[in-house]
Protein backbone atom coordinates (compact mmCIF):
# COMPACT_ATOMS: atom_id res chain seq x y z
CA MET A 1 0.00 0.00 0.00
CA ASP A 2 2.83 2.41 0.88
CA LYS A 3 4.42 1.80 -2.52
CA ILE A 4 1.15 2.63 -4.27
CA LYS A 5 0.78 5.81 -2.22
CA THR A 6 4.35 6.79 -3.01
CA ILE A 7 3.79 6.33 -6.75
CA LEU A 8 0.59 8.40 -6.55
CA VAL A 9 2.35 11.21 -4.69
CA VAL A 10 5.15 11.28 -7.27
CA LEU A 11 2.70 11.33 -10.18
CA ILE A 12 0.52 14.05 -8.65
CA THR A 13 3.40 16.34 -7.71
CA LEU A 14 5.11 15.95 -11.07
CA THR A 15 1.81 16.57 -12.87
CA MET A 16 1.09 19.70 -10.81
CA SER A 17 4.62 20.99 -11.47
CA VAL A 18 4.37 20.45 -15.21
CA LEU A 19 0.88 21.97 -15.43
CA GLY A 20 1.98 24.94 -13.37
CA ILE A 21 4.79 25.69 -15.80
CA VAL A 22 2.96 24.83 -19.03
CA PHE A 23 -0.25 26.73 -18.22
CA ALA A 24 1.51 29.66 -16.59
CA PHE A 25 4.87 30.06 -18.27
CA PRO A 26 6.35 33.09 -16.52
CA SER A 27 6.58 36.53 -18.10
CA PHE A 28 8.46 38.64 -15.59
CA SER A 29 8.25 42.37 -14.99
CA GLU A 30 11.44 44.41 -14.66
CA THR A 31 11.04 44.47 -10.87
CA GLN A 32 10.69 40.68 -10.76
CA LYS A 33 13.73 40.25 -13.01
CA GLU A 34 15.83 42.48 -10.77
CA THR A 35 14.63 40.62 -7.69
CA LEU A 36 15.29 37.19 -9.19
CA LEU A 37 18.80 38.30 -10.13
CA ILE A 38 19.51 39.26 -6.50
CA LEU A 39 18.04 36.00 -5.22
CA GLY A 40 20.04 34.07 -7.82
CA ILE A 41 23.28 35.71 -6.69
CA ILE A 42 22.56 34.82 -3.05
CA CYS A 43 21.69 31.26 -4.07
CA GLY A 44 24.84 30.92 -6.17
CA ALA A 45 27.01 32.20 -3.34
CA SER A 46 25.37 29.68 -1.01
CA VAL A 47 26.07 26.82 -3.44
CA LEU A 48 29.74 27.80 -3.64
CA TYR A 49 30.05 28.21 0.12
CA CYS A 50 28.34 24.89 0.93
CA PHE A 51 30.43 22.92 -1.53
CA VAL A 52 33.85 24.41 -0.72
CA VAL A 53 33.40 24.44 3.06
CA GLY A 54 31.66 21.06 3.13
CA GLU A 55 34.42 19.36 1.15
CA ILE A 56 37.28 20.97 3.07
CA ALA A 57 35.74 20.35 6.50
CA HIS A 58 34.29 16.91 5.57
CA ASN A 59 31.02 18.10 7.07
CA ASN A 60 28.21 18.04 4.53
CA SER A 61 25.61 19.74 6.72
CA GLN A 62 26.59 23.23 5.59
CA MET A 63 23.39 23.43 3.53
CA ASP A 64 21.39 22.10 6.48
CA LYS A 65 22.60 25.09 8.52
CA LEU A 66 21.46 27.55 5.85
CA TRP A 67 18.17 25.81 5.04
CA SER A 68 16.24 27.82 7.64
CA LEU A 69 18.09 31.10 7.12
CA LEU A 70 18.07 31.61 3.35
CA PRO A 71 14.25 31.78 2.96
CA ILE A 72 14.17 34.59 5.53
CA ALA A 73 16.70 36.55 3.47
CA TYR A 74 14.93 35.77 0.20
CA THR A 75 11.47 36.85 1.33
CA TRP A 76 12.64 40.10 2.92
CA VAL A 77 14.56 40.97 -0.26
CA VAL A 78 11.29 40.42 -2.14
CA ALA A 79 9.37 42.53 0.37
CA PHE A 80 11.91 45.35 0.03
CA LYS A 81 11.89 45.24 -3.78
CA GLY A 82 8.08 45.10 -3.71
CA ASP A 83 7.84 48.31 -1.61
CA PHE A 84 6.68 46.34 1.43
CA LYS A 85 3.22 45.59 0.11
CA PRO A 86 1.08 43.94 2.84
CA ARG A 87 0.97 40.53 1.14
CA LEU A 88 4.77 40.47 0.76
CA VAL A 89 5.36 41.58 4.35
CA LEU A 90 2.98 38.94 5.75
CA PHE A 91 4.68 36.30 3.60
CA ALA A 92 8.10 37.36 4.95
CA ILE A 93 6.86 37.43 8.57
CA VAL A 94 5.44 33.89 8.37
CA VAL A 95 8.66 32.64 6.74
CA THR A 96 10.73 34.40 9.41
CA LEU A 97 8.76 32.67 12.19
CA TRP A 98 9.24 29.37 10.36
CA GLY A 99 12.98 30.01 9.96
CA LEU A 100 13.59 31.08 13.55
CA ARG A 101 11.87 27.95 14.88
CA LEU A 102 13.78 25.64 12.57
CA THR A 103 17.09 27.37 13.31
CA PHE A 104 16.50 27.00 17.05
CA ASN A 105 15.60 23.33 16.65
CA PHE A 106 18.74 22.64 14.61
CA ALA A 107 20.95 24.70 16.93
CA ARG A 108 20.01 22.75 20.05
CA LYS A 109 21.14 19.59 18.29
CA GLY A 110 24.64 21.07 18.11
CA ALA A 111 24.60 22.13 14.45
CA TYR A 112 26.10 25.59 14.93
CA LYS A 113 29.56 26.24 16.34
CA LEU A 114 31.83 29.28 16.59
CA LYS A 115 33.97 27.46 14.05
CA PHE A 116 31.16 27.69 11.51
CA TRP A 117 32.43 24.77 9.41
CA GLU A 118 32.02 22.40 12.36
CA GLY A 119 28.88 21.32 14.21
CA GLU A 120 26.75 18.18 14.29
CA GLU A 121 26.37 16.63 10.85
CA ASP A 122 23.11 15.05 9.74
CA TYR A 123 23.53 11.30 10.37
CA ARG A 124 22.14 10.47 6.93
CA TRP A 125 25.17 11.92 5.13
CA ALA A 126 27.48 9.52 6.97
CA VAL A 127 25.21 6.61 5.99
CA LEU A 128 25.27 7.71 2.35
CA ARG A 129 29.05 8.11 2.37
CA SER A 130 29.33 4.47 3.43
CA ASN A 131 27.43 3.40 0.30
CA SER A 132 29.57 1.16 -1.91
CA VAL A 133 29.31 3.59 -4.84
CA LEU A 134 29.60 6.87 -2.94
CA LYS A 135 32.66 5.66 -1.03
CA ASN A 136 34.56 6.83 -4.09
CA ARG A 137 35.80 10.32 -3.17
CA ALA A 138 35.23 11.81 -6.62
CA LEU A 139 31.70 10.42 -6.89
CA TRP A 140 30.85 11.70 -3.42
CA ALA A 141 32.12 15.17 -4.37
CA LEU A 142 29.83 15.13 -7.42
CA PHE A 143 26.89 14.01 -5.27
CA ASP A 144 27.69 16.75 -2.79
CA LEU A 145 27.88 19.38 -5.52
CA PHE A 146 24.79 18.48 -7.53
CA PHE A 147 22.38 17.09 -4.92
CA ILE A 148 23.33 18.63 -1.58
CA CYS A 149 24.58 21.99 -2.76
CA ILE A 150 22.93 22.84 -6.09
CA TYR A 151 19.64 20.94 -5.96
CA GLN A 152 18.82 21.66 -2.33
CA ASN A 153 19.76 25.32 -2.69
CA PHE A 154 17.47 25.51 -5.70
CA ILE A 155 14.58 23.99 -3.74
CA VAL A 156 15.10 26.41 -0.85
CA LEU A 157 14.94 29.28 -3.32
CA ALA A 158 12.00 27.77 -5.20
CA ILE A 159 9.73 27.42 -2.16
CA THR A 160 9.91 31.18 -1.61
CA LEU A 161 9.12 32.10 -5.23
CA PRO A 162 5.35 32.53 -4.68
CA SER A 163 6.35 35.81 -3.02
CA VAL A 164 8.04 36.87 -6.28
CA ALA A 165 5.00 35.77 -8.27
CA VAL A 166 2.70 38.14 -6.33
CA MET A 167 5.03 41.17 -6.34
CA ASP A 168 3.08 43.06 -9.01
CA SER A 169 -0.40 42.09 -7.87
CA VAL A 170 -2.78 44.99 -7.18
CA ASN A 171 -5.35 42.75 -5.49
CA ALA A 172 -6.05 43.62 -1.86
CA LEU A 173 -5.61 40.97 0.79
CA GLY A 174 -8.56 38.59 0.71
CA VAL A 175 -9.93 35.42 2.23
CA LEU A 176 -7.48 33.14 0.42
CA ASP A 177 -4.54 35.16 1.71
CA TYR A 178 -5.71 34.74 5.29
CA VAL A 179 -6.31 31.04 4.66
CA ALA A 180 -2.77 30.80 3.24
CA PHE A 181 -1.05 32.56 6.12
CA GLY A 182 -3.34 31.10 8.79
CA GLY A 183 -2.89 27.57 7.44
CA ALA A 184 0.88 28.01 7.30
CA LEU A 185 0.94 29.18 10.93
CA PHE A 186 -1.26 26.26 12.00
CA PHE A 187 1.09 23.73 10.45
CA LEU A 188 4.06 25.61 11.89
CA PHE A 189 2.46 24.95 15.28
CA ILE A 190 2.01 21.24 14.41
CA GLU A 191 5.64 20.98 13.34
CA THR A 192 6.78 22.71 16.53
CA ILE A 193 4.80 20.29 18.72
CA ALA A 194 6.15 17.30 16.78
CA ASP A 195 9.76 18.43 17.15
CA GLU A 196 9.32 19.15 20.87
CA GLN A 197 7.86 15.68 21.43
CA GLN A 198 10.73 14.15 19.46
CA MET A 199 13.34 16.09 21.42
CA ASP A 200 11.74 15.15 24.77
CA PHE A 201 11.62 11.48 23.82
CA TYR A 202 15.25 11.18 22.71
CA THR A 203 16.54 13.32 25.60
CA THR A 204 14.79 11.04 28.10
CA ARG A 205 15.98 7.94 26.24
CA SER A 206 19.59 9.16 26.38
CA ILE A 207 19.32 9.75 30.13
CA LEU A 208 17.84 6.28 30.68
CA LEU A 209 20.65 4.70 28.63
CA GLU A 210 23.34 6.14 30.89
CA GLY A 211 25.42 3.61 32.76
CA GLY A 212 25.76 1.17 29.88
CA LYS A 213 22.12 0.11 29.73
CA LYS A 214 20.66 -1.42 26.58
CA LEU A 215 17.39 -0.45 24.89
CA SER A 216 15.86 -3.73 26.04
CA ASP A 217 16.52 -2.68 29.66
CA LEU A 218 14.41 0.48 29.35
CA PRO A 219 10.71 0.85 30.19
CA ALA A 220 8.15 1.23 27.40
CA PRO A 221 7.96 3.12 25.13
CA TYR A 222 11.70 3.93 25.28
CA ASN A 223 12.70 0.29 24.79
CA ARG A 224 11.43 0.51 21.21
CA GLY A 225 14.22 2.94 20.41
CA PHE A 226 12.06 5.31 18.37
CA ASN A 227 9.27 7.68 19.34
CA THR A 228 5.69 6.39 19.37
CA THR A 229 4.22 9.02 21.72
CA GLY A 230 2.13 12.13 21.11
CA LEU A 231 1.71 12.98 17.43
CA TRP A 232 4.25 10.28 16.63
CA ALA A 233 1.78 7.67 17.85
CA ARG A 234 -0.53 8.62 14.97
CA SER A 235 1.90 9.73 12.28
CA ARG A 236 5.36 8.47 11.39
CA HIS A 237 6.37 11.94 10.21
CA PRO A 238 4.20 14.68 11.77
CA ASN A 239 7.10 17.12 11.40
CA TYR A 240 7.29 16.42 7.66
CA LEU A 241 3.52 16.86 7.40
CA GLY A 242 3.85 20.30 8.98
CA GLU A 243 6.84 21.32 6.87
CA GLN A 244 5.33 20.40 3.51
CA SER A 245 1.92 21.83 4.37
CA ILE A 246 3.40 25.22 5.33
CA TRP A 247 4.72 25.81 1.83
CA VAL A 248 1.65 24.39 0.10
CA PHE A 249 -0.53 26.83 2.06
CA LEU A 250 1.79 29.74 1.32
CA TYR A 251 1.30 29.01 -2.38
CA LEU A 252 -2.39 29.84 -1.92
CA CYS A 253 -1.54 33.52 -1.67
CA VAL A 254 -0.68 33.30 -5.39
CA ILE A 255 -4.28 32.32 -6.06
CA GLY A 256 -5.50 35.05 -3.72
CA ALA A 257 -3.37 37.61 -5.54
CA GLY A 258 -5.09 36.71 -8.81
CA VAL A 259 -1.92 35.74 -10.68
CA ALA A 260 -2.75 32.04 -11.11
CA VAL A 261 -3.89 30.84 -14.54
CA ASN A 262 -7.35 29.21 -14.43
CA GLY A 263 -7.45 30.22 -10.79
CA VAL A 264 -5.00 27.48 -9.79
CA PHE A 265 -1.77 27.26 -11.76
CA ASN A 266 1.28 29.44 -11.44
CA TRP A 267 4.91 28.69 -12.23
CA SER A 268 5.86 29.18 -8.56
CA ILE A 269 4.02 25.97 -7.59
CA LEU A 270 7.20 24.15 -8.60
CA GLY A 271 8.87 24.86 -5.25
CA SER A 272 6.30 23.23 -2.97
CA MET A 273 5.96 20.28 -5.34
CA LEU A 274 9.72 19.66 -5.42
CA LEU A 275 9.79 19.93 -1.64
CA ILE A 276 7.17 17.19 -1.37
CA LEU A 277 9.27 14.93 -3.58
CA LEU A 278 12.40 15.71 -1.55
CA PHE A 279 10.67 14.81 1.72
CA LEU A 280 9.23 11.69 0.13
CA GLY A 281 12.73 10.49 -0.72
CA SER A 282 14.07 11.59 2.67
CA SER A 283 11.33 9.70 4.54
CA ILE A 284 11.94 6.52 2.54
CA PHE A 285 15.68 6.71 3.21
CA GLY A 286 15.23 7.54 6.91
CA GLU A 287 12.77 4.71 7.42
CA SER A 288 15.10 2.24 5.74
CA ILE A 289 17.72 3.16 8.37
CA SER A 290 15.24 2.95 11.27
CA SER A 291 13.86 -0.43 10.18
CA LYS A 292 17.40 -1.86 10.29
CA LYS A 293 18.15 -0.36 13.71
CA TYR A 294 14.88 -1.12 15.51
CA PRO A 295 13.09 -4.51 15.28
CA GLU A 296 9.63 -3.05 15.92
CA TYR A 297 9.86 -0.31 13.32
CA LYS A 298 8.40 -2.40 10.50
CA THR A 299 5.32 -3.10 12.62
CA TYR A 300 5.09 0.62 13.30
CA GLN A 301 5.21 1.27 9.56
CA LYS A 302 2.38 -1.19 8.89
CA HIS A 303 0.03 0.20 11.53
CA THR A 304 0.78 3.93 11.55
CA SER A 305 -0.08 6.52 8.92
CA LYS A 306 2.94 8.07 7.19
CA TYR A 307 1.82 11.69 7.43
CA ILE A 308 -1.80 12.42 8.35
CA PRO A 309 -2.46 11.56 12.05
CA LEU A 310 -5.16 8.91 12.10
CA TRP A 311 -5.28 5.75 14.23
CA LYS A 312 -3.02 5.32 17.23
CA TYR A 313 -0.10 2.90 17.28
CA LYS A 314 -0.54 0.36 20.09
CA GLY A 315 2.73 -1.56 19.99
CA GLU A 316 3.99 -4.79 18.46
CA GLU A 317 2.57 -7.03 21.20
CA TYR A 318 -0.93 -5.66 20.61
CA TYR A 319 -0.85 -6.47 16.89
CA LYS A 320 0.66 -9.90 17.50
CA ASN A 321 -2.31 -10.78 19.66
CA LYS A 322 -4.94 -9.54 17.22
């Protein structure tokens, strides 16, 4: 079933991306062109920085550190170039709140150090580097350049492009704008709760493991190794649900601004669609690691919704006795 859902998600997101570009091929104003040039320069500088520093320091989380900061810069540049129109300012404020929360969450995991090239690296990069193909230094450098540095920088820029799309709109703020910003803030709250629950779980687990104890020695639910409490009891990735939904809702301001063809399609939909595909791949990869580390994880996968919180996970023993 998960494979079928994955295929459907890929097909839908790719279709929406293609339709958004085909039906609304962009024709930019001079202001938009100037703004995109500035954003492109910032993005290009970030690509160069992430690749050079990441390769020299052998720490490939340089882009991870900038992921939450660049959208803040991008959207305030757009707001400035757009004469601080209300829609642009609200967009930038919501993105700033999103970025500050994500930066704080990453910082408390040890990602930022005074020696900026150091800090905690995302565990998934180390797993990928151990891959039989990517062990080759040259191939890893190419992967780092094109996927981590170029592609992810492009996505981070792309998710903010709805703000560029609405720069020239003369439409006053309307219901759809408030739905867009209100929905984004709601899912920002969901993502915040999910991350707090995750942090609390793993902090407590680490404390319980002190003194050389094994996972099997811990009380439930910590003996499972992974979080099955709170939102995580009903969704395997409530944080991903929040993250993707924020940017999908922010796209709605494009419709509210009246710059979407047929009331739906605009070229700037590409960002949120690519983000969905990125998180789809990330979730598949992350779950493959978890299922190898934790015996119960496959049961958790079978009986817990991937994103939308539905039924509650009750533990392997419960399902064995059904």
